[in-house]
Amino acid sequence: DRAVDDHEVILVRRRSGRDVAMIAADELASLTETAHLLRSPKNAERLLTALARARSEQLPATPPAELEQQLSVDA
């Protein structure tokens, strides 16, 4: 439960063989997706630049309904 509820990595030490780590499946999926997105240096630079820009600007909150309208998305 700690792996899921607290996002904790549980280290399983084995007598014979290498240790293994247990994490929540959704956490593994997130890490795998992040690694995939950052694998390309060009894509990593683009994403990190966008993140830095988003963190440095004070952007107003936009309600989801307004975003859907702006992007012509049907919910």
PDB file of N, CA and C in Angstrom:
ATOM      1  N   ASP A   1       0.815  -1.205   0.000  1.00  0.00           N
ATOM      2  CA  ASP A   1       0.000   0.000   0.000  1.00  0.00           C
ATOM      3  C   ASP A   1       0.859   1.270   0.000  1.00  0.00           C
ATOM      4  N   ARG A   2       2.025   1.229   0.635  1.00  0.00           N
ATOM      5  CA  ARG A   2       2.870   2.431   0.680  1.00  0.00           C
ATOM      6  C   ARG A   2       3.313   2.847  -0.709  1.00  0.00           C
ATOM      7  N   ALA A   3       3.580   1.878  -1.568  1.00  0.00           N
ATOM      8  CA  ALA A   3       4.017   2.201  -2.930  1.00  0.00           C
ATOM      9  C   ALA A   3       2.935   2.967  -3.672  1.00  0.00           C
ATOM     10  N   VAL A   4       1.684   2.607  -3.450  1.00  0.00           N
ATOM     11  CA  VAL A   4       0.574   3.253  -4.147  1.00  0.00           C
ATOM     12  C   VAL A   4       0.135   4.523  -3.424  1.00  0.00           C
ATOM     13  N   ASP A   5      -0.123   4.413  -2.131  1.00  0.00           N
ATOM     14  CA  ASP A   5      -0.690   5.536  -1.382  1.00  0.00           C
ATOM     15  C   ASP A   5       0.293   6.682  -1.173  1.00  0.00           C
ATOM     16  N   ASP A   6       1.551   6.355  -0.908  1.00  0.00           N
ATOM     17  CA  ASP A   6       2.550   7.379  -0.582  1.00  0.00           C
ATOM     18  C   ASP A   6       3.562   7.609  -1.696  1.00  0.00           C
ATOM     19  N   HIS A   7       3.364   6.962  -2.849  1.00  0.00           N
ATOM     20  CA  HIS A   7       4.304   7.057  -3.974  1.00  0.00           C
ATOM     21  C   HIS A   7       5.722   6.705  -3.523  1.00  0.00           C
ATOM     22  N   GLU A   8       5.808   5.712  -2.665  1.00  0.00           N
ATOM     23  CA  GLU A   8       7.096   5.296  -2.115  1.00  0.00           C
ATOM     24  C   GLU A   8       7.676   4.151  -2.950  1.00  0.00           C
ATOM     25  N   VAL A   9       8.989   4.178  -3.134  1.00  0.00           N
ATOM     26  CA  VAL A   9       9.676   3.077  -3.804  1.00  0.00           C
ATOM     27  C   VAL A   9      10.067   2.072  -2.725  1.00  0.00           C
ATOM     28  N   ILE A  10       9.637   0.835  -2.902  1.00  0.00           N
ATOM     29  CA  ILE A  10       9.930  -0.222  -1.936  1.00  0.00           C
ATOM     30  C   ILE A  10      11.070  -1.069  -2.502  1.00  0.00           C
ATOM     31  N   LEU A  11      12.172  -1.135  -1.781  1.00  0.00           N
ATOM     32  CA  LEU A  11      13.321  -1.932  -2.204  1.00  0.00           C
ATOM     33  C   LEU A  11      13.175  -3.338  -1.637  1.00  0.00           C
ATOM     34  N   VAL A  12      13.233  -4.328  -2.506  1.00  0.00           N
ATOM     35  CA  VAL A  12      13.121  -5.729  -2.102  1.00  0.00           C
ATOM     36  C   VAL A  12      14.509  -6.351  -2.230  1.00  0.00           C
ATOM     37  N   ARG A  13      15.094  -6.659  -1.084  1.00  0.00           N
ATOM     38  CA  ARG A  13      16.426  -7.266  -1.068  1.00  0.00           C
ATOM     39  C   ARG A  13      16.263  -8.780  -1.169  1.00  0.00           C
ATOM     40  N   ARG A  14      17.036  -9.364  -2.071  1.00  0.00           N
ATOM     41  CA  ARG A  14      16.945 -10.802  -2.301  1.00  0.00           C
ATOM     42  C   ARG A  14      18.225 -11.476  -1.838  1.00  0.00           C
ATOM     43  N   ARG A  15      18.083 -12.669  -1.309  1.00  0.00           N
ATOM     44  CA  ARG A  15      19.268 -13.421  -0.858  1.00  0.00           C
ATOM     45  C   ARG A  15      20.150 -13.788  -2.033  1.00  0.00           C
ATOM     46  N   SER A  16      19.511 -14.282  -3.075  1.00  0.00           N
ATOM     47  CA  SER A  16      20.286 -14.642  -4.268  1.00  0.00           C
ATOM     48  C   SER A  16      19.741 -13.827  -5.428  1.00  0.00           C
ATOM     49  N   GLY A  17      20.606 -13.131  -6.087  1.00  0.00           N
ATOM     50  CA  GLY A  17      20.164 -12.291  -7.187  1.00  0.00           C
ATOM     51  C   GLY A  17      20.135 -10.824  -6.795  1.00  0.00           C
ATOM     52  N   ARG A  18      19.902 -10.026  -7.783  1.00  0.00           N
ATOM     53  CA  ARG A  18      19.916  -8.575  -7.589  1.00  0.00           C
ATOM     54  C   ARG A  18      18.640  -8.113  -6.900  1.00  0.00           C
ATOM     55  N   ASP A  19      18.754  -7.009  -6.157  1.00  0.00           N
ATOM     56  CA  ASP A  19      17.588  -6.414  -5.515  1.00  0.00           C
ATOM     57  C   ASP A  19      16.641  -5.880  -6.580  1.00  0.00           C
ATOM     58  N   VAL A  20      15.386  -5.752  -6.223  1.00  0.00           N
ATOM     59  CA  VAL A  20      14.386  -5.187  -7.124  1.00  0.00           C
ATOM     60  C   VAL A  20      13.648  -4.074  -6.390  1.00  0.00           C
ATOM     61  N   ALA A  21      13.028  -3.194  -7.158  1.00  0.00           N
ATOM     62  CA  ALA A  21      12.251  -2.104  -6.579  1.00  0.00           C
ATOM     63  C   ALA A  21      10.798  -2.264  -6.999  1.00  0.00           C
ATOM     64  N   MET A  22       9.898  -1.935  -6.079  1.00  0.00           N
ATOM     65  CA  MET A  22       8.471  -2.022  -6.358  1.00  0.00           C
ATOM     66  C   MET A  22       7.891  -0.608  -6.282  1.00  0.00           C
ATOM     67  N   ILE A  23       7.210  -0.208  -7.370  1.00  0.00           N
ATOM     68  CA  ILE A  23       6.538   1.085  -7.399  1.00  0.00           C
ATOM     69  C   ILE A  23       5.139   0.877  -7.973  1.00  0.00           C
ATOM     70  N   ALA A  24       4.281   1.859  -7.768  1.00  0.00           N
ATOM     71  CA  ALA A  24       2.926   1.784  -8.308  1.00  0.00           C
ATOM     72  C   ALA A  24       2.987   1.763  -9.835  1.00  0.00           C
ATOM     73  N   ALA A  25       2.076   1.033 -10.453  1.00  0.00           N
ATOM     74  CA  ALA A  25       2.068   0.895 -11.915  1.00  0.00           C
ATOM     75  C   ALA A  25       1.904   2.240 -12.606  1.00  0.00           C
ATOM     76  N   ASP A  26       1.053   3.124 -12.069  1.00  0.00           N
ATOM     77  CA  ASP A  26       0.872   4.424 -12.717  1.00  0.00           C
ATOM     78  C   ASP A  26       2.129   5.282 -12.602  1.00  0.00           C
ATOM     79  N   GLU A  27       2.870   5.105 -11.516  1.00  0.00           N
ATOM     80  CA  GLU A  27       4.144   5.816 -11.351  1.00  0.00           C
ATOM     81  C   GLU A  27       5.159   5.321 -12.385  1.00  0.00           C
ATOM     82  N   LEU A  28       5.197   4.016 -12.617  1.00  0.00           N
ATOM     83  CA  LEU A  28       6.082   3.447 -13.637  1.00  0.00           C
ATOM     84  C   LEU A  28       5.709   3.966 -15.020  1.00  0.00           C
ATOM     85  N   ALA A  29       4.416   4.015 -15.319  1.00  0.00           N
ATOM     86  CA  ALA A  29       3.967   4.523 -16.622  1.00  0.00           C
ATOM     87  C   ALA A  29       4.387   5.975 -16.803  1.00  0.00           C
ATOM     88  N   SER A  30       4.263   6.767 -15.747  1.00  0.00           N
ATOM     89  CA  SER A  30       4.658   8.172 -15.810  1.00  0.00           C
ATOM     90  C   SER A  30       6.161   8.316 -16.046  1.00  0.00           C
ATOM     91  N   LEU A  31       6.954   7.552 -15.329  1.00  0.00           N
ATOM     92  CA  LEU A  31       8.412   7.600 -15.510  1.00  0.00           C
ATOM     93  C   LEU A  31       8.821   7.157 -16.907  1.00  0.00           C
ATOM     94  N   THR A  32       8.167   6.120 -17.410  1.00  0.00           N
ATOM     95  CA  THR A  32       8.466   5.619 -18.751  1.00  0.00           C
ATOM     96  C   THR A  32       8.125   6.658 -19.807  1.00  0.00           C
ATOM     97  N   GLU A  33       6.976   7.307 -19.669  1.00  0.00           N
ATOM     98  CA  GLU A  33       6.565   8.344 -20.619  1.00  0.00           C
ATOM     99  C   GLU A  33       7.525   9.529 -20.575  1.00  0.00           C
ATOM    100  N   THR A  34       7.928   9.941 -19.368  1.00  0.00           N
ATOM    101  CA  THR A  34       8.869  11.054 -19.228  1.00  0.00           C
ATOM    102  C   THR A  34      10.201  10.712 -19.888  1.00  0.00           C
ATOM    103  N   ALA A  35      10.698   9.515 -19.654  1.00  0.00           N
ATOM    104  CA  ALA A  35      11.958   9.092 -20.278  1.00  0.00           C
ATOM    105  C   ALA A  35      11.837   9.102 -21.795  1.00  0.00           C
ATOM    106  N   HIS A  36      10.699   8.652 -22.300  1.00  0.00           N
ATOM    107  CA  HIS A  36      10.472   8.639 -23.751  1.00  0.00           C
ATOM    108  C   HIS A  36      10.486  10.064 -24.313  1.00  0.00           C
ATOM    109  N   LEU A  37       9.794  10.983 -23.637  1.00  0.00           N
ATOM    110  CA  LEU A  37       9.709  12.359 -24.126  1.00  0.00           C
ATOM    111  C   LEU A  37      11.054  13.072 -24.063  1.00  0.00           C
ATOM    112  N   LEU A  38      11.879  12.727 -23.086  1.00  0.00           N
ATOM    113  CA  LEU A  38      13.165  13.408 -22.921  1.00  0.00           C
ATOM    114  C   LEU A  38      14.309  12.709 -23.659  1.00  0.00           C
ATOM    115  N   ARG A  39      14.024  11.591 -24.304  1.00  0.00           N
ATOM    116  CA  ARG A  39      15.070  10.832 -25.005  1.00  0.00           C
ATOM    117  C   ARG A  39      15.688  11.642 -26.140  1.00  0.00           C
ATOM    118  N   SER A  40      14.862  12.360 -26.874  1.00  0.00           N
ATOM    119  CA  SER A  40      15.358  13.187 -27.969  1.00  0.00           C
ATOM    120  C   SER A  40      15.866  14.507 -27.395  1.00  0.00           C
ATOM    121  N   PRO A  41      17.142  14.849 -27.612  1.00  0.00           N
ATOM    122  CA  PRO A  41      17.670  16.110 -27.089  1.00  0.00           C
ATOM    123  C   PRO A  41      16.869  17.327 -27.552  1.00  0.00           C
ATOM    124  N   LYS A  42      16.436  17.326 -28.803  1.00  0.00           N
ATOM    125  CA  LYS A  42      15.677  18.461 -29.328  1.00  0.00           C
ATOM    126  C   LYS A  42      14.323  18.578 -28.612  1.00  0.00           C
ATOM    127  N   ASN A  43      13.649  17.459 -28.420  1.00  0.00           N
ATOM    128  CA  ASN A  43      12.358  17.470 -27.735  1.00  0.00           C
ATOM    129  C   ASN A  43      12.533  17.838 -26.262  1.00  0.00           C
ATOM    130  N   ALA A  44      13.581  17.325 -25.628  1.00  0.00           N
ATOM    131  CA  ALA A  44      13.850  17.652 -24.230  1.00  0.00           C
ATOM    132  C   ALA A  44      14.076  19.147 -24.064  1.00  0.00           C
ATOM    133  N   GLU A  45      14.849  19.739 -24.962  1.00  0.00           N
ATOM    134  CA  GLU A  45      15.105  21.181 -24.894  1.00  0.00           C
ATOM    135  C   GLU A  45      13.804  21.971 -25.045  1.00  0.00           C
ATOM    136  N   ARG A  46      12.964  21.562 -25.995  1.00  0.00           N
ATOM    137  CA  ARG A  46      11.695  22.248 -26.227  1.00  0.00           C
ATOM    138  C   ARG A  46      10.794  22.164 -24.994  1.00  0.00           C
ATOM    139  N   LEU A  47      10.700  20.972 -24.401  1.00  0.00           N
ATOM    140  CA  LEU A  47       9.841  20.792 -23.232  1.00  0.00           C
ATOM    141  C   LEU A  47      10.361  21.554 -22.015  1.00  0.00           C
ATOM    142  N   LEU A  48      11.668  21.498 -21.785  1.00  0.00           N
ATOM    143  CA  LEU A  48      12.238  22.194 -20.635  1.00  0.00           C
ATOM    144  C   LEU A  48      12.157  23.708 -20.791  1.00  0.00           C
ATOM    145  N   THR A  49      12.287  24.203 -22.017  1.00  0.00           N
ATOM    146  CA  THR A  49      12.124  25.636 -22.276  1.00  0.00           C
ATOM    147  C   THR A  49      10.689  26.060 -21.993  1.00  0.00           C
ATOM    148  N   ALA A  50       9.727  25.265 -22.445  1.00  0.00           N
ATOM    149  CA  ALA A  50       8.314  25.574 -22.204  1.00  0.00           C
ATOM    150  C   ALA A  50       8.003  25.542 -20.710  1.00  0.00           C
ATOM    151  N   LEU A  51       8.567  24.587 -19.995  1.00  0.00           N
ATOM    152  CA  LEU A  51       8.352  24.497 -18.556  1.00  0.00           C
ATOM    153  C   LEU A  51       8.924  25.716 -17.840  1.00  0.00           C
ATOM    154  N   ALA A  52      10.128  26.116 -18.195  1.00  0.00           N
ATOM    155  CA  ALA A  52      10.749  27.293 -17.584  1.00  0.00           C
ATOM    156  C   ALA A  52       9.927  28.544 -17.867  1.00  0.00           C
ATOM    157  N   ARG A  53       9.436  28.675 -19.097  1.00  0.00           N
ATOM    158  CA  ARG A  53       8.615  29.831 -19.453  1.00  0.00           C
ATOM    159  C   ARG A  53       7.315  29.832 -18.644  1.00  0.00           C
ATOM    160  N   ALA A  54       6.686  28.681 -18.522  1.00  0.00           N
ATOM    161  CA  ALA A  54       5.431  28.589 -17.771  1.00  0.00           C
ATOM    162  C   ALA A  54       5.644  28.921 -16.298  1.00  0.00           C
ATOM    163  N   ARG A  55       6.765  28.501 -15.748  1.00  0.00           N
ATOM    164  CA  ARG A  55       7.042  28.781 -14.336  1.00  0.00           C
ATOM    165  C   ARG A  55       7.383  30.246 -14.094  1.00  0.00           C
ATOM    166  N   SER A  56       7.934  30.919 -15.087  1.00  0.00           N
ATOM    167  CA  SER A  56       8.365  32.304 -14.902  1.00  0.00           C
ATOM    168  C   SER A  56       7.253  33.315 -15.138  1.00  0.00           C
ATOM    169  N   GLU A  57       6.202  32.926 -15.838  1.00  0.00           N
ATOM    170  CA  GLU A  57       5.119  33.858 -16.156  1.00  0.00           C
ATOM    171  C   GLU A  57       3.952  33.673 -15.201  1.00  0.00           C
ATOM    172  N   GLN A  58       3.318  34.791 -14.881  1.00  0.00           N
ATOM    173  CA  GLN A  58       2.100  34.748 -14.088  1.00  0.00           C
ATOM    174  C   GLN A  58       0.929  34.684 -15.052  1.00  0.00           C
ATOM    175  N   LEU A  59       0.458  33.488 -15.309  1.00  0.00           N
ATOM    176  CA  LEU A  59      -0.637  33.303 -16.249  1.00  0.00           C
ATOM    177  C   LEU A  59      -1.950  33.182 -15.489  1.00  0.00           C
ATOM    178  N   PRO A  60      -3.007  33.815 -15.992  1.00  0.00           N
ATOM    179  CA  PRO A  60      -4.299  33.706 -15.312  1.00  0.00           C
ATOM    180  C   PRO A  60      -4.879  32.297 -15.478  1.00  0.00           C
ATOM    181  N   ALA A  61      -5.610  31.860 -14.482  1.00  0.00           N
ATOM    182  CA  ALA A  61      -6.277  30.559 -14.569  1.00  0.00           C
ATOM    183  C   ALA A  61      -7.414  30.658 -15.577  1.00  0.00           C
ATOM    184  N   THR A  62      -7.563  29.621 -16.389  1.00  0.00           N
ATOM    185  CA  THR A  62      -8.621  29.586 -17.397  1.00  0.00           C
ATOM    186  C   THR A  62      -9.515  28.389 -17.113  1.00  0.00           C
ATOM    187  N   PRO A  63     -10.821  28.616 -16.977  1.00  0.00           N
ATOM    188  CA  PRO A  63     -11.733  27.501 -16.718  1.00  0.00           C
ATOM    189  C   PRO A  63     -11.708  26.493 -17.872  1.00  0.00           C
ATOM    190  N   PRO A  64     -11.870  25.197 -17.568  1.00  0.00           N
ATOM    191  CA  PRO A  64     -11.851  24.168 -18.612  1.00  0.00           C
ATOM    192  C   PRO A  64     -12.836  24.431 -19.750  1.00  0.00           C
ATOM    193  N   ALA A  65     -14.027  24.909 -19.438  1.00  0.00           N
ATOM    194  CA  ALA A  65     -15.024  25.163 -20.488  1.00  0.00           C
ATOM    195  C   ALA A  65     -14.522  26.211 -21.475  1.00  0.00           C
ATOM    196  N   GLU A  66     -13.832  27.219 -20.959  1.00  0.00           N
ATOM    197  CA  GLU A  66     -13.290  28.261 -21.840  1.00  0.00           C
ATOM    198  C   GLU A  66     -12.158  27.706 -22.711  1.00  0.00           C
ATOM    199  N   LEU A  67     -11.323  26.862 -22.136  1.00  0.00           N
ATOM    200  CA  LEU A  67     -10.254  26.240 -22.922  1.00  0.00           C
ATOM    201  C   LEU A  67     -10.834  25.369 -24.031  1.00  0.00           C
ATOM    202  N   GLU A  68     -11.880  24.599 -23.703  1.00  0.00           N
ATOM    203  CA  GLU A  68     -12.526  23.759 -24.711  1.00  0.00           C
ATOM    204  C   GLU A  68     -13.054  24.611 -25.859  1.00  0.00           C
ATOM    205  N   GLN A  69     -13.637  25.746 -25.510  1.00  0.00           N
ATOM    206  CA  GLN A  69     -14.178  26.639 -26.539  1.00  0.00           C
ATOM    207  C   GLN A  69     -13.045  27.225 -27.385  1.00  0.00           C
ATOM    208  N   GLN A  70     -11.979  27.664 -26.744  1.00  0.00           N
ATOM    209  CA  GLN A  70     -10.854  28.249 -27.468  1.00  0.00           C
ATOM    210  C   GLN A  70     -10.195  27.240 -28.400  1.00  0.00           C
ATOM    211  N   LEU A  71     -10.156  25.989 -27.971  1.00  0.00           N
ATOM    212  CA  LEU A  71      -9.481  24.954 -28.747  1.00  0.00           C
ATOM    213  C   LEU A  71     -10.436  24.147 -29.617  1.00  0.00           C
ATOM    214  N   SER A  72     -11.697  24.508 -29.604  1.00  0.00           N
ATOM    215  CA  SER A  72     -12.736  23.799 -30.370  1.00  0.00           C
ATOM    216  C   SER A  72     -12.747  22.309 -30.051  1.00  0.00           C
ATOM    217  N   VAL A  73     -12.767  22.007 -28.764  1.00  0.00           N
ATOM    218  CA  VAL A  73     -12.769  20.624 -28.298  1.00  0.00           C
ATOM    219  C   VAL A  73     -14.154  20.293 -27.766  1.00  0.00           C
ATOM    220  N   ASP A  74     -14.670  19.137 -28.172  1.00  0.00           N
ATOM    221  CA  ASP A  74     -15.939  18.664 -27.634  1.00  0.00           C
ATOM    222  C   ASP A  74     -15.646  17.774 -26.444  1.00  0.00           C
ATOM    223  N   ALA A  75     -16.184  18.142 -25.289  1.00  0.00           N
ATOM    224  CA  ALA A  75     -15.933  17.363 -24.067  1.00  0.00           C
ATOM    225  C   ALA A  75     -16.782  16.116 -24.027  1.00  0.00           C
TER     226      ALA A  75
END
